All heavy atoms as atom14 arrays in JSON, in Angstrom:
{
  "sequence": "CEIYPNVIFGSEPYLISIGNNVRITTGVKFCTHD",
  "atom14_mask": [
    [1, 1, 1, 1, 1, 1, 0, 0, 0, 0, 0, 0, 0, 0],
    [1, 1, 1, 1, 1, 1, 1, 1, 1, 0, 0, 0, 0, 0],
    [1, 1, 1, 1, 1, 1, 1, 1, 0, 0, 0, 0, 0, 0],
    [1, 1, 1, 1, 1, 1, 1, 1, 1, 1, 1, 1, 0, 0],
    [1, 1, 1, 1, 1, 1, 1, 0, 0, 0, 0, 0, 0, 0],
    [1, 1, 1, 1, 1, 1, 1, 1, 0, 0, 0, 0, 0, 0],
    [1, 1, 1, 1, 1, 1, 1, 0, 0, 0, 0, 0, 0, 0],
    [1, 1, 1, 1, 1, 1, 1, 1, 0, 0, 0, 0, 0, 0],
    [1, 1, 1, 1, 1, 1, 1, 1, 1, 1, 1, 0, 0, 0],
    [1, 1, 1, 1, 0, 0, 0, 0, 0, 0, 0, 0, 0, 0],
    [1, 1, 1, 1, 1, 1, 0, 0, 0, 0, 0, 0, 0, 0],
    [1, 1, 1, 1, 1, 1, 1, 1, 1, 0, 0, 0, 0, 0],
    [1, 1, 1, 1, 1, 1, 1, 0, 0, 0, 0, 0, 0, 0],
    [1, 1, 1, 1, 1, 1, 1, 1, 1, 1, 1, 1, 0, 0],
    [1, 1, 1, 1, 1, 1, 1, 1, 0, 0, 0, 0, 0, 0],
    [1, 1, 1, 1, 1, 1, 1, 1, 0, 0, 0, 0, 0, 0],
    [1, 1, 1, 1, 1, 1, 0, 0, 0, 0, 0, 0, 0, 0],
    [1, 1, 1, 1, 1, 1, 1, 1, 0, 0, 0, 0, 0, 0],
    [1, 1, 1, 1, 0, 0, 0, 0, 0, 0, 0, 0, 0, 0],
    [1, 1, 1, 1, 1, 1, 1, 1, 0, 0, 0, 0, 0, 0],
    [1, 1, 1, 1, 1, 1, 1, 1, 0, 0, 0, 0, 0, 0],
    [1, 1, 1, 1, 1, 1, 1, 0, 0, 0, 0, 0, 0, 0],
    [1, 1, 1, 1, 1, 1, 1, 1, 1, 1, 1, 0, 0, 0],
    [1, 1, 1, 1, 1, 1, 1, 1, 0, 0, 0, 0, 0, 0],
    [1, 1, 1, 1, 1, 1, 1, 0, 0, 0, 0, 0, 0, 0],
    [1, 1, 1, 1, 1, 1, 1, 0, 0, 0, 0, 0, 0, 0],
    [1, 1, 1, 1, 0, 0, 0, 0, 0, 0, 0, 0, 0, 0],
    [1, 1, 1, 1, 1, 1, 1, 0, 0, 0, 0, 0, 0, 0],
    [1, 1, 1, 1, 1, 1, 1, 1, 1, 0, 0, 0, 0, 0],
    [1, 1, 1, 1, 1, 1, 1, 1, 1, 1, 1, 0, 0, 0],
    [1, 1, 1, 1, 1, 1, 0, 0, 0, 0, 0, 0, 0, 0],
    [1, 1, 1, 1, 1, 1, 1, 0, 0, 0, 0, 0, 0, 0],
    [1, 1, 1, 1, 1, 1, 1, 1, 1, 1, 0, 0, 0, 0],
    [1, 1, 1, 1, 1, 1, 1, 1, 0, 0, 0, 0, 0, 0]
  ],
  "atom14_positions": [
    [[0.82, -1.2, 0.0], [-0.01, 0.01, 0.02], [0.88, 1.26, 0.0], [2.08, 1.18, 0.34], [-0.92, 0.01, 1.23], [-2.13, -1.31, 1.17], [0.0, 0.0, 0.0], [0.0, 0.0, 0.0], [0.0, 0.0, 0.0], [0.0, 0.0, 0.0], [0.0, 0.0, 0.0], [0.0, 0.0, 0.0], [0.0, 0.0, 0.0], [0.0, 0.0, 0.0]],
    [[0.27, 2.38, -0.35], [0.93, 3.64, -0.35], [0.05, 4.67, 0.42], [-1.16, 4.73, 0.1], [1.18, 4.2, -1.77], [2.14, 3.35, -2.56], [2.38, 3.91, -3.97], [1.9, 5.03, -4.26], [3.09, 3.24, -4.74], [0.0, 0.0, 0.0], [0.0, 0.0, 0.0], [0.0, 0.0, 0.0], [0.0, 0.0, 0.0], [0.0, 0.0, 0.0]],
    [[0.64, 5.44, 1.32], [-0.1, 6.46, 2.01], [0.68, 7.74, 1.81], [1.87, 7.83, 2.19], [-0.22, 6.17, 3.51], [-0.97, 4.84, 3.7], [-0.92, 7.32, 4.22], [-1.05, 4.41, 5.16], [0.0, 0.0, 0.0], [0.0, 0.0, 0.0], [0.0, 0.0, 0.0], [0.0, 0.0, 0.0], [0.0, 0.0, 0.0], [0.0, 0.0, 0.0]],
    [[0.05, 8.69, 1.2], [0.69, 10.0, 0.92], [0.62, 10.89, 2.17], [-0.14, 10.53, 3.13], [0.01, 10.64, -0.3], [0.48, 10.03, -1.59], [0.22, 8.68, -1.93], [1.22, 10.77, -2.48], [0.69, 8.11, -3.1], [1.74, 10.2, -3.67], [1.46, 8.89, -3.96], [1.91, 8.31, -5.08], [0.0, 0.0, 0.0], [0.0, 0.0, 0.0]],
    [[1.23, 12.06, 2.14], [1.18, 12.94, 3.33], [-0.21, 13.4, 3.64], [-1.08, 13.5, 2.77], [2.06, 14.11, 2.92], [3.0, 13.58, 1.88], [2.14, 12.58, 1.12], [0.0, 0.0, 0.0], [0.0, 0.0, 0.0], [0.0, 0.0, 0.0], [0.0, 0.0, 0.0], [0.0, 0.0, 0.0], [0.0, 0.0, 0.0], [0.0, 0.0, 0.0]],
    [[-0.38, 13.82, 4.85], [-1.61, 14.5, 5.34], [-2.85, 13.66, 5.21], [-3.96, 14.19, 5.08], [-1.83, 15.84, 4.63], [-0.63, 16.76, 4.83], [-0.08, 16.93, 5.89], [-0.15, 17.36, 3.71], [0.0, 0.0, 0.0], [0.0, 0.0, 0.0], [0.0, 0.0, 0.0], [0.0, 0.0, 0.0], [0.0, 0.0, 0.0], [0.0, 0.0, 0.0]],
    [[-2.71, 12.35, 5.36], [-3.85, 11.49, 5.46], [-4.29, 11.43, 6.88], [-3.44, 11.29, 7.82], [-3.55, 10.09, 4.92], [-4.68, 9.12, 5.23], [-3.27, 10.14, 3.41], [0.0, 0.0, 0.0], [0.0, 0.0, 0.0], [0.0, 0.0, 0.0], [0.0, 0.0, 0.0], [0.0, 0.0, 0.0], [0.0, 0.0, 0.0], [0.0, 0.0, 0.0]],
    [[-5.61, 11.55, 7.12], [-6.11, 11.56, 8.52], [-6.94, 10.28, 8.67], [-7.96, 10.06, 7.95], [-6.92, 12.8, 8.84], [-6.04, 14.02, 8.72], [-7.59, 12.71, 10.19], [-6.74, 15.33, 8.85], [0.0, 0.0, 0.0], [0.0, 0.0, 0.0], [0.0, 0.0, 0.0], [0.0, 0.0, 0.0], [0.0, 0.0, 0.0], [0.0, 0.0, 0.0]],
    [[-6.59, 9.46, 9.65], [-7.31, 8.2, 9.92], [-8.34, 8.37, 11.01], [-8.91, 7.38, 11.48], [-6.32, 7.08, 10.27], [-5.5, 6.64, 9.11], [-4.14, 6.86, 9.0], [-6.15, 5.93, 8.05], [-3.45, 6.47, 7.91], [-5.39, 5.5, 6.97], [-4.05, 5.78, 6.92], [0.0, 0.0, 0.0], [0.0, 0.0, 0.0], [0.0, 0.0, 0.0]],
    [[-8.56, 9.59, 11.49], [-9.62, 9.81, 12.42], [-9.26, 9.46, 13.86], [-8.14, 9.04, 14.13], [0.0, 0.0, 0.0], [0.0, 0.0, 0.0], [0.0, 0.0, 0.0], [0.0, 0.0, 0.0], [0.0, 0.0, 0.0], [0.0, 0.0, 0.0], [0.0, 0.0, 0.0], [0.0, 0.0, 0.0], [0.0, 0.0, 0.0], [0.0, 0.0, 0.0]],
    [[-10.2, 9.57, 14.71], [-9.93, 9.35, 16.15], [-10.09, 7.86, 16.52], [-9.65, 7.49, 17.65], [-10.9, 10.19, 17.01], [-12.26, 9.94, 16.59], [0.0, 0.0, 0.0], [0.0, 0.0, 0.0], [0.0, 0.0, 0.0], [0.0, 0.0, 0.0], [0.0, 0.0, 0.0], [0.0, 0.0, 0.0], [0.0, 0.0, 0.0], [0.0, 0.0, 0.0]],
    [[-10.58, 7.03, 15.64], [-10.71, 5.59, 15.92], [-10.08, 4.81, 14.73], [-10.77, 4.1, 14.02], [-12.12, 5.15, 16.11], [-12.84, 5.84, 17.3], [-13.35, 7.24, 16.93], [-13.68, 7.5, 15.75], [-13.45, 8.07, 17.82], [0.0, 0.0, 0.0], [0.0, 0.0, 0.0], [0.0, 0.0, 0.0], [0.0, 0.0, 0.0], [0.0, 0.0, 0.0]],
    [[-8.76, 4.91, 14.52], [-8.17, 4.27, 13.34], [-8.35, 2.73, 13.35], [-8.25, 2.09, 12.33], [-6.7, 4.68, 13.4], [-6.46, 5.07, 14.78], [-7.79, 5.62, 15.32], [0.0, 0.0, 0.0], [0.0, 0.0, 0.0], [0.0, 0.0, 0.0], [0.0, 0.0, 0.0], [0.0, 0.0, 0.0], [0.0, 0.0, 0.0], [0.0, 0.0, 0.0]],
    [[-8.5, 2.16, 14.52], [-8.69, 0.71, 14.67], [-9.99, 0.23, 14.09], [-10.17, -0.96, 13.85], [-8.59, 0.28, 16.13], [-9.4, 1.21, 17.08], [-10.77, 1.02, 17.3], [-8.79, 2.25, 17.71], [-11.5, 1.82, 18.12], [-9.5, 3.09, 18.53], [-10.85, 2.88, 18.74], [-11.59, 3.71, 19.53], [0.0, 0.0, 0.0], [0.0, 0.0, 0.0]],
    [[-10.9, 1.17, 13.66], [-12.13, 0.78, 12.97], [-11.97, 0.75, 11.42], [-12.91, 0.5, 10.73], [-13.26, 1.78, 13.33], [-13.76, 1.73, 14.79], [-14.76, 2.8, 15.01], [-14.37, 0.35, 15.05], [0.0, 0.0, 0.0], [0.0, 0.0, 0.0], [0.0, 0.0, 0.0], [0.0, 0.0, 0.0], [0.0, 0.0, 0.0], [0.0, 0.0, 0.0]],
    [[-10.77, 1.02, 10.97], [-10.47, 1.08, 9.56], [-9.68, -0.16, 9.14], [-8.66, -0.52, 9.74], [-9.7, 2.38, 9.19], [-10.46, 3.6, 9.61], [-9.4, 2.4, 7.69], [-9.57, 4.86, 9.6], [0.0, 0.0, 0.0], [0.0, 0.0, 0.0], [0.0, 0.0, 0.0], [0.0, 0.0, 0.0], [0.0, 0.0, 0.0], [0.0, 0.0, 0.0]],
    [[-10.09, -0.8, 8.0], [-9.43, -1.93, 7.48], [-9.17, -1.66, 5.98], [-10.11, -1.37, 5.25], [-10.29, -3.16, 7.64], [-9.66, -4.3, 7.06], [0.0, 0.0, 0.0], [0.0, 0.0, 0.0], [0.0, 0.0, 0.0], [0.0, 0.0, 0.0], [0.0, 0.0, 0.0], [0.0, 0.0, 0.0], [0.0, 0.0, 0.0], [0.0, 0.0, 0.0]],
    [[-7.88, -1.73, 5.61], [-7.5, -1.44, 4.25], [-6.87, -2.68, 3.61], [-5.99, -3.25, 4.23], [-6.5, -0.25, 4.24], [-7.24, 1.0, 4.77], [-5.91, 0.03, 2.86], [-6.33, 2.19, 5.07], [0.0, 0.0, 0.0], [0.0, 0.0, 0.0], [0.0, 0.0, 0.0], [0.0, 0.0, 0.0], [0.0, 0.0, 0.0], [0.0, 0.0, 0.0]],
    [[-7.29, -3.0, 2.41], [-6.8, -4.21, 1.76], [-5.4, -4.03, 1.19], [-4.63, -3.15, 1.56], [0.0, 0.0, 0.0], [0.0, 0.0, 0.0], [0.0, 0.0, 0.0], [0.0, 0.0, 0.0], [0.0, 0.0, 0.0], [0.0, 0.0, 0.0], [0.0, 0.0, 0.0], [0.0, 0.0, 0.0], [0.0, 0.0, 0.0], [0.0, 0.0, 0.0]],
    [[-5.04, -4.85, 0.23], [-3.74, -4.92, -0.41], [-3.77, -3.95, -1.63], [-4.8, -3.78, -2.26], [-3.36, -6.3, -0.86], [-3.27, -7.24, 0.3], [-2.73, -6.93, 1.33], [-3.84, -8.43, 0.13], [0.0, 0.0, 0.0], [0.0, 0.0, 0.0], [0.0, 0.0, 0.0], [0.0, 0.0, 0.0], [0.0, 0.0, 0.0], [0.0, 0.0, 0.0]],
    [[-2.6, -3.43, -1.97], [-2.43, -2.61, -3.16], [-3.36, -1.41, -3.19], [-4.1, -1.17, -4.17], [-2.61, -3.48, -4.41], [-1.63, -4.57, -4.51], [-0.46, -4.36, -4.37], [-2.16, -5.77, -4.64], [0.0, 0.0, 0.0], [0.0, 0.0, 0.0], [0.0, 0.0, 0.0], [0.0, 0.0, 0.0], [0.0, 0.0, 0.0], [0.0, 0.0, 0.0]],
    [[-3.42, -0.68, -2.06], [-4.28, 0.48, -1.95], [-3.4, 1.74, -1.89], [-2.4, 1.76, -1.16], [-5.18, 0.39, -0.69], [-5.98, 1.68, -0.49], [-6.11, -0.82, -0.77], [0.0, 0.0, 0.0], [0.0, 0.0, 0.0], [0.0, 0.0, 0.0], [0.0, 0.0, 0.0], [0.0, 0.0, 0.0], [0.0, 0.0, 0.0], [0.0, 0.0, 0.0]],
    [[-3.77, 2.73, -2.67], [-3.08, 4.02, -2.67], [-4.04, 5.03, -2.09], [-5.15, 5.26, -2.61], [-2.68, 4.44, -4.07], [-2.06, 5.87, -4.07], [-1.84, 6.38, -5.45], [-0.59, 5.76, -5.96], [-0.27, 5.76, -7.27], [-1.08, 6.29, -8.15], [0.85, 5.22, -7.64], [0.0, 0.0, 0.0], [0.0, 0.0, 0.0], [0.0, 0.0, 0.0]],
    [[-3.6, 5.71, -1.0], [-4.38, 6.76, -0.33], [-3.59, 8.03, -0.49], [-2.49, 8.23, 0.08], [-4.56, 6.39, 1.15], [-5.21, 5.0, 1.32], [-5.4, 7.52, 1.82], [-5.21, 4.53, 2.71], [0.0, 0.0, 0.0], [0.0, 0.0, 0.0], [0.0, 0.0, 0.0], [0.0, 0.0, 0.0], [0.0, 0.0, 0.0], [0.0, 0.0, 0.0]],
    [[-4.08, 8.94, -1.33], [-3.34, 10.14, -1.72], [-3.52, 11.29, -0.72], [-4.26, 11.17, 0.28], [-3.75, 10.59, -3.12], [-5.15, 10.98, -3.11], [-3.47, 9.54, -4.18], [0.0, 0.0, 0.0], [0.0, 0.0, 0.0], [0.0, 0.0, 0.0], [0.0, 0.0, 0.0], [0.0, 0.0, 0.0], [0.0, 0.0, 0.0], [0.0, 0.0, 0.0]],
    [[-2.8, 12.33, -0.97], [-2.72, 13.52, -0.04], [-4.08, 14.05, 0.34], [-4.97, 14.25, -0.46], [-1.93, 14.59, -0.75], [-0.63, 14.1, -1.06], [-1.78, 15.86, 0.11], [0.0, 0.0, 0.0], [0.0, 0.0, 0.0], [0.0, 0.0, 0.0], [0.0, 0.0, 0.0], [0.0, 0.0, 0.0], [0.0, 0.0, 0.0], [0.0, 0.0, 0.0]],
    [[-4.24, 14.24, 1.65], [-5.41, 14.96, 2.19], [-6.62, 14.08, 2.39], [-7.68, 14.61, 2.8], [0.0, 0.0, 0.0], [0.0, 0.0, 0.0], [0.0, 0.0, 0.0], [0.0, 0.0, 0.0], [0.0, 0.0, 0.0], [0.0, 0.0, 0.0], [0.0, 0.0, 0.0], [0.0, 0.0, 0.0], [0.0, 0.0, 0.0], [0.0, 0.0, 0.0]],
    [[-6.53, 12.78, 2.17], [-7.71, 11.92, 2.37], [-8.05, 11.85, 3.84], [-7.14, 11.79, 4.7], [-7.45, 10.47, 1.74], [-8.53, 9.5, 2.18], [-7.29, 10.55, 0.3], [0.0, 0.0, 0.0], [0.0, 0.0, 0.0], [0.0, 0.0, 0.0], [0.0, 0.0, 0.0], [0.0, 0.0, 0.0], [0.0, 0.0, 0.0], [0.0, 0.0, 0.0]],
    [[-9.3, 11.85, 4.16], [-9.79, 11.76, 5.54], [-10.72, 10.62, 5.72], [-11.66, 10.47, 4.98], [-10.45, 13.07, 5.92], [-9.52, 14.31, 5.91], [-10.3, 15.59, 6.05], [-9.4, 16.78, 5.99], [-8.76, 16.96, 4.66], [0.0, 0.0, 0.0], [0.0, 0.0, 0.0], [0.0, 0.0, 0.0], [0.0, 0.0, 0.0], [0.0, 0.0, 0.0]],
    [[-10.49, 9.84, 6.75], [-11.37, 8.74, 7.16], [-12.1, 9.19, 8.43], [-11.47, 9.55, 9.38], [-10.57, 7.48, 7.47], [-9.93, 6.9, 6.22], [-8.66, 7.29, 5.82], [-10.56, 5.89, 5.54], [-8.06, 6.7, 4.7], [-9.97, 5.32, 4.44], [-8.71, 5.74, 4.02], [0.0, 0.0, 0.0], [0.0, 0.0, 0.0], [0.0, 0.0, 0.0]],
    [[-13.4, 9.16, 8.38], [-14.2, 9.58, 9.52], [-14.94, 8.39, 10.07], [-15.79, 7.82, 9.42], [-15.18, 10.66, 9.15], [-16.07, 11.35, 10.53], [0.0, 0.0, 0.0], [0.0, 0.0, 0.0], [0.0, 0.0, 0.0], [0.0, 0.0, 0.0], [0.0, 0.0, 0.0], [0.0, 0.0, 0.0], [0.0, 0.0, 0.0], [0.0, 0.0, 0.0]],
    [[-14.59, 7.95, 11.26], [-15.2, 6.69, 11.85], [-16.27, 7.02, 12.87], [-16.73, 6.11, 13.53], [-14.04, 5.88, 12.54], [-13.39, 6.73, 13.47], [-13.07, 5.37, 11.5], [0.0, 0.0, 0.0], [0.0, 0.0, 0.0], [0.0, 0.0, 0.0], [0.0, 0.0, 0.0], [0.0, 0.0, 0.0], [0.0, 0.0, 0.0], [0.0, 0.0, 0.0]],
    [[-16.61, 8.27, 13.0], [-17.69, 8.64, 13.99], [-18.54, 9.72, 13.41], [-18.15, 10.42, 12.47], [-17.07, 9.03, 15.31], [-16.29, 10.3, 15.26], [-15.02, 10.34, 14.8], [-16.71, 11.58, 15.52], [-14.6, 11.6, 14.82], [-15.56, 12.38, 15.24], [0.0, 0.0, 0.0], [0.0, 0.0, 0.0], [0.0, 0.0, 0.0], [0.0, 0.0, 0.0]],
    [[-19.68, 9.92, 14.0], [-20.62, 10.95, 13.63], [-20.43, 12.16, 14.59], [-20.87, 12.14, 15.7], [-22.09, 10.41, 13.7], [-23.11, 11.4, 13.29], [-22.81, 12.63, 13.17], [-24.28, 11.03, 13.03], [0.0, 0.0, 0.0], [0.0, 0.0, 0.0], [0.0, 0.0, 0.0], [0.0, 0.0, 0.0], [0.0, 0.0, 0.0], [0.0, 0.0, 0.0]]
  ]
}
């Protein structure tokens, strides 16, 4: 996988599952809560 700068995995990153061969580019945000 590739993770570019400034990616935010939120306050509960343990709720995120990412597969193989995934590219997450600059500034992507994962929000695990409301």
